[in-house]
N, C-alpha and C. Protein backbone atom coordinates (compact mmCIF):
# COMPACT_ATOMS: atom_id res chain seq x y z
N MET A 1 12.02 19.96 -13.55
CA MET A 1 11.32 18.93 -12.34
C MET A 1 12.09 18.10 -12.08
N ALA A 2 11.58 18.01 -10.54
CA ALA A 2 12.54 16.76 -9.85
C ALA A 2 12.77 15.56 -10.29
N ASP A 3 13.79 14.84 -10.10
CA ASP A 3 14.23 13.60 -10.42
C ASP A 3 13.48 12.46 -9.20
N PHE A 4 12.59 11.85 -9.76
CA PHE A 4 11.86 11.03 -8.72
C PHE A 4 12.27 9.46 -9.04
N ARG A 5 12.52 8.78 -8.26
CA ARG A 5 13.08 7.01 -8.72
C ARG A 5 11.71 6.28 -9.15
N PRO A 6 11.73 5.17 -9.83
CA PRO A 6 11.12 4.52 -10.45
C PRO A 6 10.57 4.03 -9.05
N ALA A 7 9.17 3.29 -8.76
CA ALA A 7 8.96 2.81 -7.92
C ALA A 7 9.09 1.31 -7.91
N PRO A 8 9.55 0.64 -6.98
CA PRO A 8 9.94 -0.74 -7.43
C PRO A 8 8.54 -1.52 -7.42
N GLU A 9 8.56 -2.55 -8.15
CA GLU A 9 7.49 -3.43 -8.43
C GLU A 9 6.98 -4.32 -7.06
N LEU A 10 5.88 -4.12 -6.59
CA LEU A 10 5.29 -5.01 -5.62
C LEU A 10 5.34 -6.39 -5.70
N ASP A 11 6.14 -7.11 -4.95
CA ASP A 11 6.54 -8.48 -5.01
C ASP A 11 5.55 -9.38 -3.99
N VAL A 12 4.35 -9.85 -4.68
CA VAL A 12 3.38 -10.42 -3.69
C VAL A 12 3.14 -11.77 -3.70
N THR A 13 2.71 -12.55 -2.87
CA THR A 13 2.41 -14.09 -3.24
C THR A 13 1.10 -14.26 -3.75
N GLU A 14 0.18 -13.51 -3.31
CA GLU A 14 -1.23 -13.63 -3.70
C GLU A 14 -2.18 -12.02 -3.50
N TRP A 15 -3.03 -11.90 -4.20
CA TRP A 15 -3.73 -10.57 -3.98
C TRP A 15 -5.05 -11.06 -3.23
N LEU A 16 -5.77 -10.60 -2.30
CA LEU A 16 -6.98 -10.55 -1.89
C LEU A 16 -7.97 -9.26 -2.15
N ASN A 17 -9.20 -9.36 -2.34
CA ASN A 17 -10.34 -8.17 -2.73
C ASN A 17 -10.20 -7.81 -4.11
N THR A 18 -9.66 -8.55 -5.28
CA THR A 18 -9.72 -8.41 -6.43
C THR A 18 -9.52 -9.63 -7.11
N PRO A 19 -10.24 -9.67 -8.43
CA PRO A 19 -10.58 -11.01 -9.40
C PRO A 19 -8.99 -11.32 -9.78
N GLU A 20 -8.23 -10.43 -10.03
CA GLU A 20 -6.82 -10.80 -10.63
C GLU A 20 -5.35 -10.09 -9.81
N PRO A 21 -4.49 -10.80 -10.43
CA PRO A 21 -3.32 -10.03 -9.61
C PRO A 21 -2.98 -8.63 -10.11
N LEU A 22 -2.87 -7.51 -9.66
CA LEU A 22 -2.27 -6.41 -9.80
C LEU A 22 -0.54 -6.30 -9.59
N SER A 23 -0.43 -5.24 -10.41
CA SER A 23 1.17 -4.67 -10.73
C SER A 23 1.16 -3.36 -10.95
N LEU A 24 2.30 -2.54 -10.36
CA LEU A 24 2.27 -1.13 -11.05
C LEU A 24 2.21 -1.02 -12.23
N SER A 25 3.04 -1.70 -12.97
CA SER A 25 3.36 -1.47 -14.24
C SER A 25 1.99 -1.49 -15.15
N ALA A 26 1.00 -2.48 -14.42
CA ALA A 26 -0.43 -2.53 -15.11
C ALA A 26 -1.23 -1.31 -14.76
N LEU A 27 -0.78 -0.59 -13.78
CA LEU A 27 -1.55 0.59 -13.38
C LEU A 27 -0.89 1.81 -13.25
N ARG A 28 0.10 1.66 -14.53
CA ARG A 28 0.62 3.11 -14.85
C ARG A 28 -0.28 3.64 -15.67
N GLY A 29 -0.71 4.84 -15.25
CA GLY A 29 -1.47 6.04 -15.79
C GLY A 29 -2.29 6.46 -14.85
N ARG A 30 -2.43 5.66 -13.51
CA ARG A 30 -3.00 6.23 -12.32
C ARG A 30 -2.29 6.33 -11.36
N VAL A 31 -2.79 7.23 -10.43
CA VAL A 31 -2.11 7.70 -9.21
C VAL A 31 -2.60 6.34 -8.41
N VAL A 32 -1.40 6.06 -7.47
CA VAL A 32 -1.49 4.55 -6.61
C VAL A 32 -1.25 5.48 -5.21
N VAL A 33 -1.85 4.95 -4.35
CA VAL A 33 -1.81 4.94 -2.91
C VAL A 33 -1.71 3.79 -2.43
N ALA A 34 -0.96 3.37 -1.76
CA ALA A 34 -0.39 2.06 -0.83
C ALA A 34 -0.21 2.29 0.73
N GLU A 35 -0.56 1.29 1.22
CA GLU A 35 -0.44 1.04 2.61
C GLU A 35 0.42 0.17 3.11
N ALA A 36 1.65 0.12 3.49
CA ALA A 36 2.17 -1.30 4.06
C ALA A 36 1.52 -1.31 5.51
N PHE A 37 1.15 -2.55 5.90
CA PHE A 37 0.64 -2.69 7.12
C PHE A 37 0.85 -3.95 7.67
N GLN A 38 0.70 -4.36 8.75
CA GLN A 38 0.63 -5.44 9.93
C GLN A 38 -0.64 -5.45 10.64
N MET A 39 -1.06 -6.86 10.37
CA MET A 39 -2.67 -6.63 11.31
C MET A 39 -2.57 -6.66 12.81
N LEU A 40 -1.40 -6.95 13.26
CA LEU A 40 -1.25 -6.50 14.71
C LEU A 40 -0.53 -5.30 15.09
N CYS A 41 -0.09 -4.31 14.29
CA CYS A 41 0.26 -3.32 14.44
C CYS A 41 -0.97 -2.25 14.89
N PRO A 42 -0.71 -1.66 16.09
CA PRO A 42 -1.63 -0.71 16.67
C PRO A 42 -1.66 0.46 15.32
N GLY A 43 -0.76 1.12 14.96
CA GLY A 43 -0.94 2.42 14.10
C GLY A 43 -1.70 1.97 12.86
N CYS A 44 -1.06 0.49 12.42
CA CYS A 44 -2.05 0.08 11.33
C CYS A 44 -3.58 0.29 11.40
N ALA A 45 -3.82 -0.58 12.58
CA ALA A 45 -5.28 -1.15 12.97
C ALA A 45 -6.19 0.32 13.23
N GLN A 46 -5.57 1.12 14.07
CA GLN A 46 -6.45 2.18 14.63
C GLN A 46 -6.24 3.64 13.55
N MET A 47 -5.26 3.49 12.63
CA MET A 47 -5.14 4.92 12.09
C MET A 47 -4.94 4.88 10.45
N ALA A 48 -3.73 3.91 10.33
CA ALA A 48 -3.59 3.77 8.69
C ALA A 48 -4.76 2.95 7.71
N LEU A 49 -5.49 1.79 8.38
CA LEU A 49 -6.09 1.29 7.45
C LEU A 49 -7.46 1.76 7.35
N PRO A 50 -8.19 2.49 8.47
CA PRO A 50 -9.14 3.18 8.56
C PRO A 50 -8.83 4.60 7.07
N GLN A 51 -7.68 5.20 7.66
CA GLN A 51 -7.83 6.19 6.60
C GLN A 51 -7.70 5.80 5.19
N LEU A 52 -7.16 4.70 4.96
CA LEU A 52 -6.74 4.03 3.37
C LEU A 52 -8.25 3.74 2.71
N ALA A 53 -9.18 3.33 3.69
CA ALA A 53 -10.59 2.81 3.39
C ALA A 53 -11.10 4.42 3.29
N ARG A 54 -10.86 5.48 3.72
CA ARG A 54 -11.36 6.62 3.29
C ARG A 54 -10.79 6.94 1.81
N VAL A 55 -9.73 7.15 1.79
CA VAL A 55 -9.18 7.13 0.46
C VAL A 55 -9.63 6.66 -0.58
N HIS A 56 -9.79 5.05 -0.23
CA HIS A 56 -10.45 4.21 -1.21
C HIS A 56 -11.94 4.75 -1.54
N GLU A 57 -12.62 5.22 -0.63
CA GLU A 57 -14.17 5.88 -0.73
C GLU A 57 -13.94 6.94 -1.61
N GLN A 58 -13.10 7.76 -1.29
CA GLN A 58 -13.04 9.07 -1.91
C GLN A 58 -12.60 9.30 -3.43
N PHE A 59 -11.51 8.62 -3.43
CA PHE A 59 -10.35 8.74 -4.64
C PHE A 59 -10.37 7.80 -5.47
N SER A 60 -11.22 6.38 -5.21
CA SER A 60 -10.91 5.55 -6.43
C SER A 60 -11.97 5.54 -7.52
N ARG A 61 -13.11 6.74 -7.23
CA ARG A 61 -14.00 7.04 -8.45
C ARG A 61 -13.18 7.79 -9.39
N MET A 62 -12.05 8.69 -8.85
CA MET A 62 -11.23 9.64 -9.44
C MET A 62 -9.99 8.82 -10.48
N GLY A 63 -10.06 7.51 -10.38
CA GLY A 63 -9.11 6.71 -11.20
C GLY A 63 -8.06 6.62 -10.12
N VAL A 64 -7.99 6.78 -9.09
CA VAL A 64 -6.93 6.76 -8.30
C VAL A 64 -6.74 5.21 -7.46
N ALA A 65 -5.79 4.12 -7.87
CA ALA A 65 -5.52 2.94 -7.21
C ALA A 65 -5.29 3.01 -5.94
N VAL A 66 -6.03 2.32 -5.05
CA VAL A 66 -5.64 2.19 -3.76
C VAL A 66 -5.59 0.70 -3.28
N LEU A 67 -4.30 0.57 -2.64
CA LEU A 67 -3.76 -0.71 -2.41
C LEU A 67 -3.25 -0.67 -0.74
N GLY A 68 -3.61 -2.19 -0.39
CA GLY A 68 -3.08 -2.62 0.96
C GLY A 68 -1.79 -3.50 0.39
N LEU A 69 -0.80 -3.33 1.39
CA LEU A 69 0.28 -4.66 1.36
C LEU A 69 0.49 -4.83 2.76
N HIS A 70 -0.21 -6.04 2.70
CA HIS A 70 0.34 -6.83 4.30
C HIS A 70 1.98 -7.48 3.96
N THR A 71 2.61 -6.72 4.96
CA THR A 71 3.88 -7.22 4.96
C THR A 71 4.70 -7.43 6.44
N VAL A 72 4.78 -8.76 6.86
CA VAL A 72 4.76 -9.33 7.86
C VAL A 72 6.40 -9.56 8.20
N PHE A 73 6.93 -8.65 9.30
CA PHE A 73 8.30 -8.69 9.67
C PHE A 73 8.60 -9.09 10.89
N GLU A 74 7.47 -9.21 11.93
CA GLU A 74 7.36 -9.87 13.34
C GLU A 74 6.11 -10.29 13.36
N HIS A 75 5.98 -11.33 14.58
CA HIS A 75 4.91 -12.39 15.04
C HIS A 75 4.35 -12.98 13.59
N HIS A 76 5.33 -13.54 12.95
CA HIS A 76 5.04 -14.69 11.89
C HIS A 76 4.01 -15.43 11.80
N GLU A 77 4.00 -15.87 13.43
CA GLU A 77 2.88 -17.31 13.42
C GLU A 77 1.60 -16.83 13.62
N ALA A 78 1.48 -15.47 14.20
CA ALA A 78 0.17 -14.91 14.49
C ALA A 78 -0.50 -14.15 13.23
N GLN A 79 0.07 -13.88 12.08
CA GLN A 79 -0.18 -13.08 11.35
C GLN A 79 0.12 -14.15 9.96
N GLY A 80 0.57 -15.04 10.04
CA GLY A 80 1.10 -15.79 8.83
C GLY A 80 -0.03 -16.33 7.93
N PRO A 81 -1.30 -16.97 8.77
CA PRO A 81 -2.37 -17.81 7.92
C PRO A 81 -2.95 -16.65 6.95
N ARG A 82 -3.34 -17.02 5.61
CA ARG A 82 -3.99 -16.21 4.84
C ARG A 82 -5.39 -16.00 5.09
N SER A 83 -6.09 -16.69 6.15
CA SER A 83 -7.29 -16.85 6.83
C SER A 83 -7.12 -16.15 7.58
N ALA A 84 -6.30 -15.89 8.66
CA ALA A 84 -6.19 -14.69 9.49
C ALA A 84 -6.41 -13.36 9.02
N LEU A 85 -5.90 -12.99 7.47
CA LEU A 85 -5.89 -11.87 6.97
C LEU A 85 -7.23 -11.77 6.25
N GLU A 86 -8.01 -12.69 5.70
CA GLU A 86 -9.01 -12.72 4.96
C GLU A 86 -10.07 -12.38 6.00
N ALA A 87 -10.54 -13.07 7.11
CA ALA A 87 -11.05 -12.48 8.26
C ALA A 87 -11.06 -11.08 8.84
N PHE A 88 -9.40 -10.59 9.17
CA PHE A 88 -9.39 -9.50 9.33
C PHE A 88 -10.00 -8.66 8.38
N LEU A 89 -9.66 -8.94 7.00
CA LEU A 89 -10.42 -7.53 6.08
C LEU A 89 -11.96 -7.85 6.03
N ARG A 90 -12.48 -9.08 6.21
CA ARG A 90 -13.73 -8.86 5.90
C ARG A 90 -14.56 -8.33 7.43
N GLU A 91 -13.78 -8.63 8.59
CA GLU A 91 -14.45 -8.16 9.85
C GLU A 91 -14.44 -6.55 9.77
N TYR A 92 -13.41 -5.71 9.27
CA TYR A 92 -13.38 -4.60 9.29
C TYR A 92 -13.99 -3.55 8.10
N ARG A 93 -14.38 -4.40 7.21
CA ARG A 93 -15.01 -4.56 5.77
C ARG A 93 -14.14 -3.58 5.06
N TYR A 94 -12.91 -4.19 4.84
CA TYR A 94 -11.87 -3.65 4.07
C TYR A 94 -12.28 -3.57 2.59
N SER A 95 -12.58 -3.35 1.47
CA SER A 95 -12.62 -3.62 0.33
C SER A 95 -11.55 -3.60 -1.05
N PHE A 96 -10.77 -2.78 -0.39
CA PHE A 96 -9.57 -2.48 -1.45
C PHE A 96 -8.63 -3.65 -1.61
N PRO A 97 -8.01 -3.64 -2.77
CA PRO A 97 -7.07 -4.83 -3.07
C PRO A 97 -5.96 -4.93 -1.95
N VAL A 98 -5.57 -6.01 -1.56
CA VAL A 98 -4.75 -6.18 -0.56
C VAL A 98 -3.43 -7.26 -0.92
N GLY A 99 -2.19 -6.98 -1.09
CA GLY A 99 -1.42 -7.80 -1.82
C GLY A 99 -0.39 -8.49 -0.29
N ILE A 100 -0.04 -9.87 -0.65
CA ILE A 100 0.53 -10.43 0.57
C ILE A 100 2.05 -10.02 0.04
N ASP A 101 2.99 -9.60 1.00
CA ASP A 101 4.29 -9.32 0.52
C ASP A 101 4.81 -10.53 0.66
N ARG A 102 5.85 -10.80 -0.29
CA ARG A 102 6.54 -12.24 -0.36
C ARG A 102 7.86 -12.44 0.87
N PRO A 103 7.75 -13.22 1.75
CA PRO A 103 8.40 -13.38 2.74
C PRO A 103 9.97 -13.34 2.48
N ALA A 104 10.71 -12.68 3.38
CA ALA A 104 12.04 -13.12 2.89
C ALA A 104 12.64 -14.43 2.67
N PRO A 105 13.62 -14.39 1.55
CA PRO A 105 14.05 -15.61 1.12
C PRO A 105 14.06 -16.83 2.50
N GLU A 106 15.08 -16.29 3.53
CA GLU A 106 14.93 -17.51 4.46
C GLU A 106 13.81 -17.37 5.57
N GLY A 107 12.93 -16.58 5.24
CA GLY A 107 11.53 -17.05 5.85
C GLY A 107 11.38 -15.85 7.23
N ARG A 108 12.14 -15.61 7.35
CA ARG A 108 12.39 -14.49 8.79
C ARG A 108 12.85 -13.16 8.18
N GLY A 109 12.59 -12.13 9.07
CA GLY A 109 13.27 -10.76 8.44
C GLY A 109 12.44 -10.14 7.48
N MET A 110 13.01 -9.04 6.85
CA MET A 110 11.97 -8.15 6.10
C MET A 110 11.82 -8.80 5.02
N PRO A 111 10.45 -8.68 4.38
CA PRO A 111 9.77 -9.22 3.14
C PRO A 111 10.54 -8.52 2.03
N VAL A 112 10.10 -8.86 0.90
CA VAL A 112 11.11 -8.74 -0.48
C VAL A 112 10.41 -7.16 -0.82
N THR A 113 8.98 -6.79 -0.73
CA THR A 113 8.73 -5.64 -0.74
C THR A 113 9.17 -4.59 -0.11
N MET A 114 9.18 -4.75 1.48
CA MET A 114 9.43 -4.04 2.07
C MET A 114 10.89 -3.89 2.35
N ALA A 115 11.61 -4.51 1.70
CA ALA A 115 13.26 -4.27 1.90
C ALA A 115 13.40 -3.58 0.55
N ALA A 116 12.52 -3.70 -0.66
CA ALA A 116 13.22 -3.06 -1.83
C ALA A 116 12.66 -1.47 -1.66
N TYR A 117 11.83 -1.15 -0.68
CA TYR A 117 11.38 0.30 -0.64
C TYR A 117 12.03 0.84 0.72
N ARG A 118 12.99 -0.16 1.13
CA ARG A 118 13.45 0.32 2.42
C ARG A 118 12.94 0.62 3.52
N MET A 119 11.66 0.26 3.82
CA MET A 119 10.84 0.66 4.74
C MET A 119 11.23 0.53 6.29
N GLU A 120 10.87 1.35 6.99
CA GLU A 120 11.40 1.50 8.31
C GLU A 120 10.64 0.69 9.32
N GLY A 121 9.19 0.48 8.77
CA GLY A 121 8.07 -0.22 9.55
C GLY A 121 6.98 0.01 9.10
N THR A 122 5.76 -0.34 10.11
CA THR A 122 4.38 -0.26 9.73
C THR A 122 4.02 0.65 10.34
N PRO A 123 2.87 1.39 10.04
CA PRO A 123 2.51 1.60 8.55
C PRO A 123 3.56 2.52 7.98
N THR A 124 3.44 1.95 6.31
CA THR A 124 4.08 2.99 5.73
C THR A 124 3.31 3.35 4.39
N LEU A 125 3.19 4.50 4.13
CA LEU A 125 2.34 5.43 3.13
C LEU A 125 3.07 5.28 1.91
N ILE A 126 2.68 5.00 0.67
CA ILE A 126 3.36 5.06 -0.38
C ILE A 126 2.69 5.86 -1.38
N LEU A 127 3.30 6.94 -2.21
CA LEU A 127 2.20 7.37 -3.19
C LEU A 127 3.14 7.51 -4.53
N ILE A 128 2.38 7.16 -5.74
CA ILE A 128 3.16 6.98 -6.93
C ILE A 128 2.35 7.42 -8.01
N ASP A 129 3.28 8.24 -8.68
CA ASP A 129 2.54 9.17 -9.66
C ASP A 129 2.03 8.42 -10.88
N ARG A 130 1.37 9.01 -12.05
CA ARG A 130 1.06 8.06 -12.94
C ARG A 130 2.00 7.77 -14.20
N HIS A 131 3.42 8.32 -13.81
CA HIS A 131 4.15 7.75 -14.43
C HIS A 131 5.02 6.58 -13.92
N GLY A 132 4.54 5.98 -12.65
CA GLY A 132 5.08 4.95 -11.87
C GLY A 132 6.61 5.31 -10.96
N ARG A 133 6.44 6.54 -10.70
CA ARG A 133 7.73 7.33 -9.95
C ARG A 133 7.29 7.23 -8.67
N LEU A 134 7.96 7.11 -7.44
CA LEU A 134 7.64 6.97 -6.04
C LEU A 134 7.84 8.36 -5.67
N ARG A 135 6.60 8.88 -5.26
CA ARG A 135 6.65 10.61 -4.76
C ARG A 135 6.61 10.92 -3.57
N ARG A 136 6.21 10.25 -2.65
CA ARG A 136 6.37 9.98 -1.03
C ARG A 136 6.11 8.86 -0.87
N GLN A 137 7.07 8.53 0.71
CA GLN A 137 6.89 7.46 1.27
C GLN A 137 7.34 8.05 2.68
N ALA A 138 6.29 7.78 3.45
CA ALA A 138 6.21 8.12 4.84
C ALA A 138 6.00 7.09 5.67
N PHE A 139 6.68 7.05 7.07
CA PHE A 139 6.63 5.96 7.60
C PHE A 139 5.60 6.40 8.88
N GLY A 140 4.42 5.95 9.25
CA GLY A 140 3.97 6.51 10.53
C GLY A 140 2.56 7.24 9.73
N HIS A 141 1.75 8.08 10.86
CA HIS A 141 0.46 8.78 10.08
C HIS A 141 0.72 9.80 9.44
N VAL A 142 0.15 10.17 8.13
CA VAL A 142 0.13 11.18 7.68
C VAL A 142 -1.17 11.78 7.94
N PRO A 143 -1.53 13.17 8.32
CA PRO A 143 -3.20 13.67 8.29
C PRO A 143 -3.64 13.38 7.04
N ASP A 144 -4.93 13.34 7.52
CA ASP A 144 -6.00 13.31 6.22
C ASP A 144 -6.00 14.28 5.17
N LEU A 145 -6.13 15.65 5.71
CA LEU A 145 -5.90 16.88 4.85
C LEU A 145 -4.70 16.94 4.16
N GLN A 146 -3.36 16.47 5.10
CA GLN A 146 -2.47 16.79 4.01
C GLN A 146 -2.21 15.52 2.97
N LEU A 147 -2.72 14.56 3.41
CA LEU A 147 -2.77 13.11 2.07
C LEU A 147 -3.89 13.52 1.24
N GLY A 148 -4.92 14.15 1.22
CA GLY A 148 -5.62 14.42 0.34
C GLY A 148 -5.40 15.71 -0.67
N ALA A 149 -4.55 16.60 0.19
CA ALA A 149 -4.14 17.40 -0.85
C ALA A 149 -2.66 16.73 -2.05
N GLU A 150 -2.09 16.24 -1.03
CA GLU A 150 -1.11 15.56 -2.15
C GLU A 150 -1.59 14.53 -3.06
N ILE A 151 -2.83 13.74 -2.69
CA ILE A 151 -3.20 12.98 -3.94
C ILE A 151 -4.00 13.76 -4.94
N MET A 152 -4.39 14.89 -4.64
CA MET A 152 -4.90 15.86 -5.39
C MET A 152 -4.22 16.45 -6.31
N ALA A 153 -2.93 16.79 -5.59
CA ALA A 153 -1.56 17.26 -6.78
C ALA A 153 -1.43 16.43 -7.56
N LEU A 154 -1.35 15.28 -7.28
CA LEU A 154 -0.66 14.08 -8.00
C LEU A 154 -1.71 14.04 -9.26
N ILE A 155 -3.33 13.90 -8.86
CA ILE A 155 -4.05 13.74 -9.83
C ILE A 155 -4.06 14.88 -10.83
N ALA A 156 -3.61 16.39 -10.22
CA ALA A 156 -3.70 17.43 -11.25
C ALA A 156 -2.50 17.35 -12.13
N GLU A 157 -1.79 16.46 -11.87
CA GLU A 157 -0.25 16.50 -12.82
C GLU A 157 -0.37 15.56 -14.25
N ARG A 158 -1.68 15.52 -14.87
CA ARG A 158 -2.20 14.73 -15.78
C ARG A 158 -0.77 14.81 -17.10
N ASP A 159 -0.64 15.97 -17.19
CA ASP A 159 0.60 15.90 -18.17
C ASP A 159 1.87 16.20 -17.82
N ALA A 160 2.37 15.75 -16.62
CA ALA A 160 3.42 15.84 -16.16
C ALA A 160 4.62 14.95 -16.88
N ALA A 161 5.85 15.32 -17.18
CA ALA A 161 6.73 14.51 -17.64
C ALA A 161 7.64 13.66 -17.02
């Protein structure tokens, strides 16, 4: 079997659309599909987030955890207020949990989780298996059929070590 590295924990300042904070360690035993995004990223708004909503609709009832990660590395002033993100999620009716990535210690640059995953930008898709291992990380758009097949393959790995 391939050797997959453990997925770094999500370091977020707060969670939206969920009654309690989430963690990858608490989600162990479930396949996790996460999308790192920015509100002002055209690829995120036009492709990645609508796709994540479809994944949430189709796979959450199968035990798949679907998460958004709002990770701001540019246009901080426009995307910074929590109220702007809440309005954005409400306007587009995104009901999956969304964590707000902890800003870089100096307040500018790459946020903490984004740096831990060494992301190239947004959108970035992250697939984590039931054992907490990072199985796929993709910058940019992944076609729906390909993503669905990859999620189903991870679901089918129930007994993989």
